[in-house]
Amino acid sequence: MQQYTVRELQQHLLDSAAAGTARPLLLDVREPWEFSLAAIRVPQADTLHIPMQEVPARLAEIEAERLVVCVCHHGMRSLQVAHFLAGQGHDQVVNLQGGIDAWSEQIDPNVPRY
């Protein structure tokens, strides 16, 4: 299972958009209050919010043939979800190292840090 830094994710999003390839899915596995406080919203990707504990029950909502980038606050919950998805047959799963906190710090300071 692969991991991206926030800079690698940003570059992948730009490259995908330029090449006209399929948009990645940002799977945000944080709690609802966290998601409402701060989220990565970029035009080059789709965002799906499924709290970590709901992922097994909502697995059908996550397209297996699509690149899925798992996101949480610092990258630990998303790493667990990424491993779970890989075990369920998702071949294109990436964990975002540092999570939304790193995104806020390095890419988009308009995303609140908490």
N, C-alpha and C. Protein backbone atom coordinates (compact mmCIF):
# COMPACT_ATOMS: atom_id res chain seq x y z
N MET A 1 0.84 -1.17 0.00
CA MET A 1 0.00 0.00 0.00
C MET A 1 0.89 1.24 0.00
N GLN A 2 0.54 2.16 -0.86
CA GLN A 2 1.35 3.35 -1.08
C GLN A 2 0.93 4.47 -0.14
N GLN A 3 1.87 5.38 0.13
CA GLN A 3 1.57 6.58 0.90
C GLN A 3 2.03 7.79 0.09
N TYR A 4 1.25 8.86 0.17
CA TYR A 4 1.62 10.12 -0.46
C TYR A 4 1.87 11.15 0.63
N THR A 5 2.87 11.99 0.40
CA THR A 5 2.96 13.22 1.18
C THR A 5 1.93 14.18 0.60
N VAL A 6 1.68 15.27 1.28
CA VAL A 6 0.70 16.22 0.73
C VAL A 6 1.19 16.84 -0.56
N ARG A 7 2.48 17.03 -0.68
CA ARG A 7 3.03 17.57 -1.93
C ARG A 7 2.88 16.56 -3.08
N GLU A 8 3.08 15.28 -2.78
CA GLU A 8 2.89 14.24 -3.81
C GLU A 8 1.42 14.17 -4.23
N LEU A 9 0.52 14.30 -3.27
CA LEU A 9 -0.91 14.30 -3.62
C LEU A 9 -1.24 15.50 -4.49
N GLN A 10 -0.76 16.65 -4.11
CA GLN A 10 -1.03 17.85 -4.89
C GLN A 10 -0.53 17.67 -6.32
N GLN A 11 0.68 17.13 -6.49
CA GLN A 11 1.24 16.92 -7.83
C GLN A 11 0.42 15.88 -8.60
N HIS A 12 0.01 14.81 -7.92
CA HIS A 12 -0.80 13.79 -8.58
C HIS A 12 -2.12 14.39 -9.06
N LEU A 13 -2.75 15.22 -8.25
CA LEU A 13 -4.00 15.86 -8.64
C LEU A 13 -3.81 16.73 -9.87
N LEU A 14 -2.73 17.50 -9.90
CA LEU A 14 -2.45 18.35 -11.05
C LEU A 14 -2.15 17.53 -12.29
N ASP A 15 -1.36 16.47 -12.13
CA ASP A 15 -1.02 15.60 -13.27
C ASP A 15 -2.25 14.90 -13.82
N SER A 16 -3.10 14.40 -12.94
CA SER A 16 -4.32 13.71 -13.37
C SER A 16 -5.24 14.64 -14.14
N ALA A 17 -5.38 15.86 -13.63
CA ALA A 17 -6.24 16.84 -14.30
C ALA A 17 -5.68 17.19 -15.67
N ALA A 18 -4.37 17.37 -15.75
CA ALA A 18 -3.75 17.72 -17.03
C ALA A 18 -3.86 16.59 -18.04
N ALA A 19 -3.77 15.36 -17.57
CA ALA A 19 -3.83 14.20 -18.46
C ALA A 19 -5.27 13.79 -18.78
N GLY A 20 -6.21 14.34 -18.05
CA GLY A 20 -7.61 13.99 -18.27
C GLY A 20 -7.96 12.60 -17.77
N THR A 21 -7.20 12.09 -16.82
CA THR A 21 -7.47 10.76 -16.27
C THR A 21 -8.55 10.84 -15.19
N ALA A 22 -8.98 9.70 -14.72
CA ALA A 22 -10.04 9.63 -13.72
C ALA A 22 -9.68 10.41 -12.46
N ARG A 23 -10.67 11.06 -11.92
CA ARG A 23 -10.48 11.84 -10.70
C ARG A 23 -10.34 10.91 -9.51
N PRO A 24 -9.35 11.15 -8.66
CA PRO A 24 -9.22 10.33 -7.46
C PRO A 24 -10.35 10.63 -6.48
N LEU A 25 -10.56 9.69 -5.58
CA LEU A 25 -11.55 9.85 -4.52
C LEU A 25 -10.80 10.10 -3.22
N LEU A 26 -11.05 11.24 -2.59
CA LEU A 26 -10.51 11.52 -1.27
C LEU A 26 -11.49 10.97 -0.26
N LEU A 27 -11.11 9.90 0.40
CA LEU A 27 -11.96 9.27 1.40
C LEU A 27 -11.58 9.81 2.77
N ASP A 28 -12.40 10.69 3.30
CA ASP A 28 -12.14 11.31 4.60
C ASP A 28 -12.79 10.46 5.67
N VAL A 29 -11.98 9.90 6.56
CA VAL A 29 -12.48 8.94 7.56
C VAL A 29 -12.59 9.55 8.95
N ARG A 30 -12.56 10.88 9.04
CA ARG A 30 -12.66 11.54 10.34
C ARG A 30 -14.11 11.59 10.81
N GLU A 31 -14.28 12.02 12.03
CA GLU A 31 -15.60 12.16 12.62
C GLU A 31 -16.35 13.33 11.97
N PRO A 32 -17.68 13.30 12.00
CA PRO A 32 -18.44 14.38 11.36
C PRO A 32 -18.06 15.79 11.83
N TRP A 33 -17.81 15.96 13.13
CA TRP A 33 -17.46 17.30 13.61
C TRP A 33 -16.12 17.76 13.03
N GLU A 34 -15.20 16.82 12.81
CA GLU A 34 -13.90 17.17 12.23
C GLU A 34 -14.07 17.57 10.77
N PHE A 35 -14.87 16.79 10.06
CA PHE A 35 -15.09 17.05 8.64
C PHE A 35 -15.77 18.40 8.43
N SER A 36 -16.72 18.74 9.30
CA SER A 36 -17.40 20.03 9.16
C SER A 36 -16.48 21.20 9.51
N LEU A 37 -15.49 20.95 10.33
CA LEU A 37 -14.54 21.98 10.73
C LEU A 37 -13.52 22.28 9.63
N ALA A 38 -13.01 21.22 8.99
CA ALA A 38 -11.96 21.39 7.99
C ALA A 38 -11.99 20.20 7.04
N ALA A 39 -11.91 20.49 5.74
CA ALA A 39 -11.88 19.42 4.75
C ALA A 39 -11.06 19.85 3.54
N ILE A 40 -10.48 18.87 2.87
CA ILE A 40 -9.76 19.14 1.62
C ILE A 40 -10.81 19.12 0.51
N ARG A 41 -10.95 20.25 -0.11
CA ARG A 41 -11.90 20.35 -1.23
C ARG A 41 -11.15 20.95 -2.41
N VAL A 42 -10.90 20.10 -3.39
CA VAL A 42 -10.17 20.53 -4.58
C VAL A 42 -10.97 20.10 -5.81
N PRO A 43 -10.92 20.90 -6.88
CA PRO A 43 -11.71 20.57 -8.06
C PRO A 43 -11.22 19.33 -8.82
N GLN A 44 -9.98 18.88 -8.54
CA GLN A 44 -9.42 17.74 -9.28
C GLN A 44 -9.77 16.40 -8.64
N ALA A 45 -10.55 16.38 -7.57
CA ALA A 45 -10.88 15.12 -6.89
C ALA A 45 -12.28 15.19 -6.32
N ASP A 46 -12.85 14.04 -6.10
CA ASP A 46 -14.13 13.94 -5.41
C ASP A 46 -13.85 13.59 -3.95
N THR A 47 -14.69 14.08 -3.06
CA THR A 47 -14.53 13.81 -1.64
C THR A 47 -15.71 13.00 -1.15
N LEU A 48 -15.41 11.97 -0.37
CA LEU A 48 -16.44 11.14 0.26
C LEU A 48 -16.11 11.06 1.74
N HIS A 49 -17.06 11.43 2.57
CA HIS A 49 -16.85 11.37 4.01
C HIS A 49 -17.55 10.14 4.58
N ILE A 50 -16.75 9.21 5.10
CA ILE A 50 -17.27 8.04 5.81
C ILE A 50 -16.42 7.88 7.06
N PRO A 51 -16.97 8.14 8.24
CA PRO A 51 -16.19 7.95 9.47
C PRO A 51 -15.61 6.53 9.53
N MET A 52 -14.44 6.44 10.11
CA MET A 52 -13.68 5.19 10.13
C MET A 52 -14.52 3.98 10.53
N GLN A 53 -15.29 4.10 11.60
CA GLN A 53 -16.04 2.94 12.09
C GLN A 53 -17.17 2.53 11.16
N GLU A 54 -17.55 3.38 10.22
CA GLU A 54 -18.63 3.07 9.28
C GLU A 54 -18.13 2.46 7.97
N VAL A 55 -16.83 2.49 7.74
CA VAL A 55 -16.28 2.03 6.46
C VAL A 55 -16.68 0.59 6.13
N PRO A 56 -16.56 -0.38 7.05
CA PRO A 56 -16.94 -1.75 6.67
C PRO A 56 -18.41 -1.86 6.20
N ALA A 57 -19.30 -1.16 6.85
CA ALA A 57 -20.72 -1.24 6.50
C ALA A 57 -21.03 -0.48 5.21
N ARG A 58 -20.19 0.46 4.85
CA ARG A 58 -20.45 1.30 3.67
C ARG A 58 -19.45 1.03 2.55
N LEU A 59 -18.82 -0.11 2.59
CA LEU A 59 -17.79 -0.48 1.62
C LEU A 59 -18.26 -0.35 0.17
N ALA A 60 -19.51 -0.64 -0.09
CA ALA A 60 -20.03 -0.58 -1.46
C ALA A 60 -20.00 0.83 -2.05
N GLU A 61 -19.90 1.85 -1.21
CA GLU A 61 -19.85 3.23 -1.69
C GLU A 61 -18.47 3.62 -2.23
N ILE A 62 -17.47 2.78 -1.96
CA ILE A 62 -16.09 3.09 -2.32
C ILE A 62 -15.73 2.27 -3.56
N GLU A 63 -15.57 2.93 -4.68
CA GLU A 63 -15.33 2.25 -5.95
C GLU A 63 -13.96 1.56 -5.95
N ALA A 64 -13.97 0.25 -6.17
CA ALA A 64 -12.74 -0.55 -6.11
C ALA A 64 -11.78 -0.25 -7.26
N GLU A 65 -12.29 0.20 -8.40
CA GLU A 65 -11.42 0.43 -9.55
C GLU A 65 -10.86 1.84 -9.61
N ARG A 66 -11.15 2.63 -8.62
CA ARG A 66 -10.74 4.04 -8.60
C ARG A 66 -9.61 4.25 -7.59
N LEU A 67 -8.75 5.24 -7.86
CA LEU A 67 -7.73 5.61 -6.89
C LEU A 67 -8.42 6.22 -5.68
N VAL A 68 -8.18 5.64 -4.51
CA VAL A 68 -8.76 6.12 -3.26
C VAL A 68 -7.63 6.63 -2.38
N VAL A 69 -7.71 7.89 -2.00
CA VAL A 69 -6.73 8.50 -1.10
C VAL A 69 -7.41 8.65 0.26
N CYS A 70 -6.94 7.90 1.24
CA CYS A 70 -7.53 7.93 2.58
C CYS A 70 -6.93 9.09 3.37
N VAL A 71 -7.83 9.84 4.03
CA VAL A 71 -7.44 11.06 4.73
C VAL A 71 -8.03 11.07 6.13
N CYS A 72 -7.23 11.50 7.10
CA CYS A 72 -7.75 11.77 8.44
C CYS A 72 -7.00 12.99 8.98
N HIS A 73 -6.96 13.15 10.28
CA HIS A 73 -6.33 14.34 10.87
C HIS A 73 -4.81 14.32 10.70
N HIS A 74 -4.16 13.24 11.12
CA HIS A 74 -2.70 13.15 11.04
C HIS A 74 -2.19 11.97 10.23
N GLY A 75 -3.07 11.11 9.74
CA GLY A 75 -2.65 10.01 8.89
C GLY A 75 -2.64 8.63 9.52
N MET A 76 -3.05 8.51 10.77
CA MET A 76 -3.03 7.20 11.43
C MET A 76 -4.33 6.42 11.21
N ARG A 77 -5.48 7.05 11.41
CA ARG A 77 -6.75 6.36 11.15
C ARG A 77 -6.86 6.01 9.67
N SER A 78 -6.46 6.94 8.83
CA SER A 78 -6.54 6.69 7.39
C SER A 78 -5.62 5.55 6.97
N LEU A 79 -4.49 5.39 7.63
CA LEU A 79 -3.59 4.28 7.33
C LEU A 79 -4.28 2.95 7.65
N GLN A 80 -4.98 2.88 8.75
CA GLN A 80 -5.71 1.66 9.10
C GLN A 80 -6.80 1.37 8.07
N VAL A 81 -7.51 2.40 7.65
CA VAL A 81 -8.57 2.21 6.64
C VAL A 81 -7.95 1.79 5.31
N ALA A 82 -6.84 2.38 4.94
CA ALA A 82 -6.18 2.02 3.69
C ALA A 82 -5.78 0.54 3.70
N HIS A 83 -5.24 0.08 4.81
CA HIS A 83 -4.89 -1.35 4.92
C HIS A 83 -6.14 -2.22 4.82
N PHE A 84 -7.22 -1.80 5.46
CA PHE A 84 -8.47 -2.54 5.39
C PHE A 84 -8.97 -2.62 3.94
N LEU A 85 -8.98 -1.49 3.25
CA LEU A 85 -9.46 -1.47 1.86
C LEU A 85 -8.59 -2.36 0.96
N ALA A 86 -7.28 -2.30 1.16
CA ALA A 86 -6.38 -3.16 0.38
C ALA A 86 -6.70 -4.62 0.63
N GLY A 87 -7.01 -4.96 1.87
CA GLY A 87 -7.38 -6.34 2.20
C GLY A 87 -8.71 -6.76 1.61
N GLN A 88 -9.53 -5.78 1.25
CA GLN A 88 -10.84 -6.05 0.64
C GLN A 88 -10.77 -6.05 -0.88
N GLY A 89 -9.56 -5.95 -1.43
CA GLY A 89 -9.40 -6.04 -2.87
C GLY A 89 -9.25 -4.72 -3.60
N HIS A 90 -9.16 -3.62 -2.89
CA HIS A 90 -8.94 -2.33 -3.53
C HIS A 90 -7.45 -2.23 -3.88
N ASP A 91 -7.15 -2.20 -5.17
CA ASP A 91 -5.77 -2.20 -5.63
C ASP A 91 -5.13 -0.81 -5.62
N GLN A 92 -5.94 0.21 -5.72
CA GLN A 92 -5.42 1.57 -5.83
C GLN A 92 -5.78 2.37 -4.57
N VAL A 93 -5.11 2.09 -3.49
CA VAL A 93 -5.36 2.76 -2.22
C VAL A 93 -4.08 3.44 -1.77
N VAL A 94 -4.22 4.69 -1.36
CA VAL A 94 -3.10 5.49 -0.90
C VAL A 94 -3.48 6.13 0.42
N ASN A 95 -2.53 6.20 1.33
CA ASN A 95 -2.74 6.92 2.58
C ASN A 95 -2.07 8.28 2.47
N LEU A 96 -2.73 9.32 2.99
CA LEU A 96 -2.15 10.65 3.00
C LEU A 96 -1.37 10.84 4.30
N GLN A 97 -0.04 10.85 4.18
CA GLN A 97 0.83 11.04 5.35
C GLN A 97 0.63 12.44 5.92
N GLY A 98 0.49 12.52 7.23
CA GLY A 98 0.32 13.82 7.88
C GLY A 98 -1.10 14.34 7.85
N GLY A 99 -1.96 13.71 7.04
CA GLY A 99 -3.38 14.04 7.02
C GLY A 99 -3.69 15.48 6.66
N ILE A 100 -4.89 15.86 7.06
CA ILE A 100 -5.37 17.20 6.73
C ILE A 100 -4.56 18.27 7.45
N ASP A 101 -3.96 17.91 8.57
CA ASP A 101 -3.12 18.88 9.28
C ASP A 101 -1.92 19.28 8.42
N ALA A 102 -1.28 18.30 7.79
CA ALA A 102 -0.16 18.61 6.90
C ALA A 102 -0.63 19.38 5.67
N TRP A 103 -1.81 19.04 5.15
CA TRP A 103 -2.38 19.77 4.01
C TRP A 103 -2.56 21.24 4.39
N SER A 104 -3.12 21.49 5.58
CA SER A 104 -3.34 22.86 6.05
C SER A 104 -2.02 23.61 6.18
N GLU A 105 -1.03 22.93 6.70
CA GLU A 105 0.26 23.55 6.97
C GLU A 105 1.08 23.80 5.71
N GLN A 106 1.04 22.85 4.76
CA GLN A 106 1.95 22.92 3.61
C GLN A 106 1.30 23.33 2.29
N ILE A 107 0.00 23.10 2.15
CA ILE A 107 -0.64 23.33 0.85
C ILE A 107 -1.67 24.46 0.91
N ASP A 108 -2.61 24.37 1.82
CA ASP A 108 -3.71 25.34 1.85
C ASP A 108 -3.95 25.86 3.27
N PRO A 109 -3.35 27.00 3.60
CA PRO A 109 -3.52 27.55 4.94
C PRO A 109 -4.94 28.02 5.23
N ASN A 110 -5.81 28.05 4.23
CA ASN A 110 -7.21 28.41 4.45
C ASN A 110 -8.00 27.28 5.09
N VAL A 111 -7.45 26.06 5.06
CA VAL A 111 -8.08 24.93 5.74
C VAL A 111 -7.70 25.03 7.22
N PRO A 112 -8.69 25.19 8.10
CA PRO A 112 -8.36 25.38 9.52
C PRO A 112 -7.61 24.20 10.11
N ARG A 113 -6.68 24.52 11.01
CA ARG A 113 -5.97 23.49 11.78
C ARG A 113 -6.66 23.38 13.12
N TYR A 114 -6.69 22.17 13.63
CA TYR A 114 -7.34 21.95 14.95
C TYR A 114 -6.56 20.93 15.73
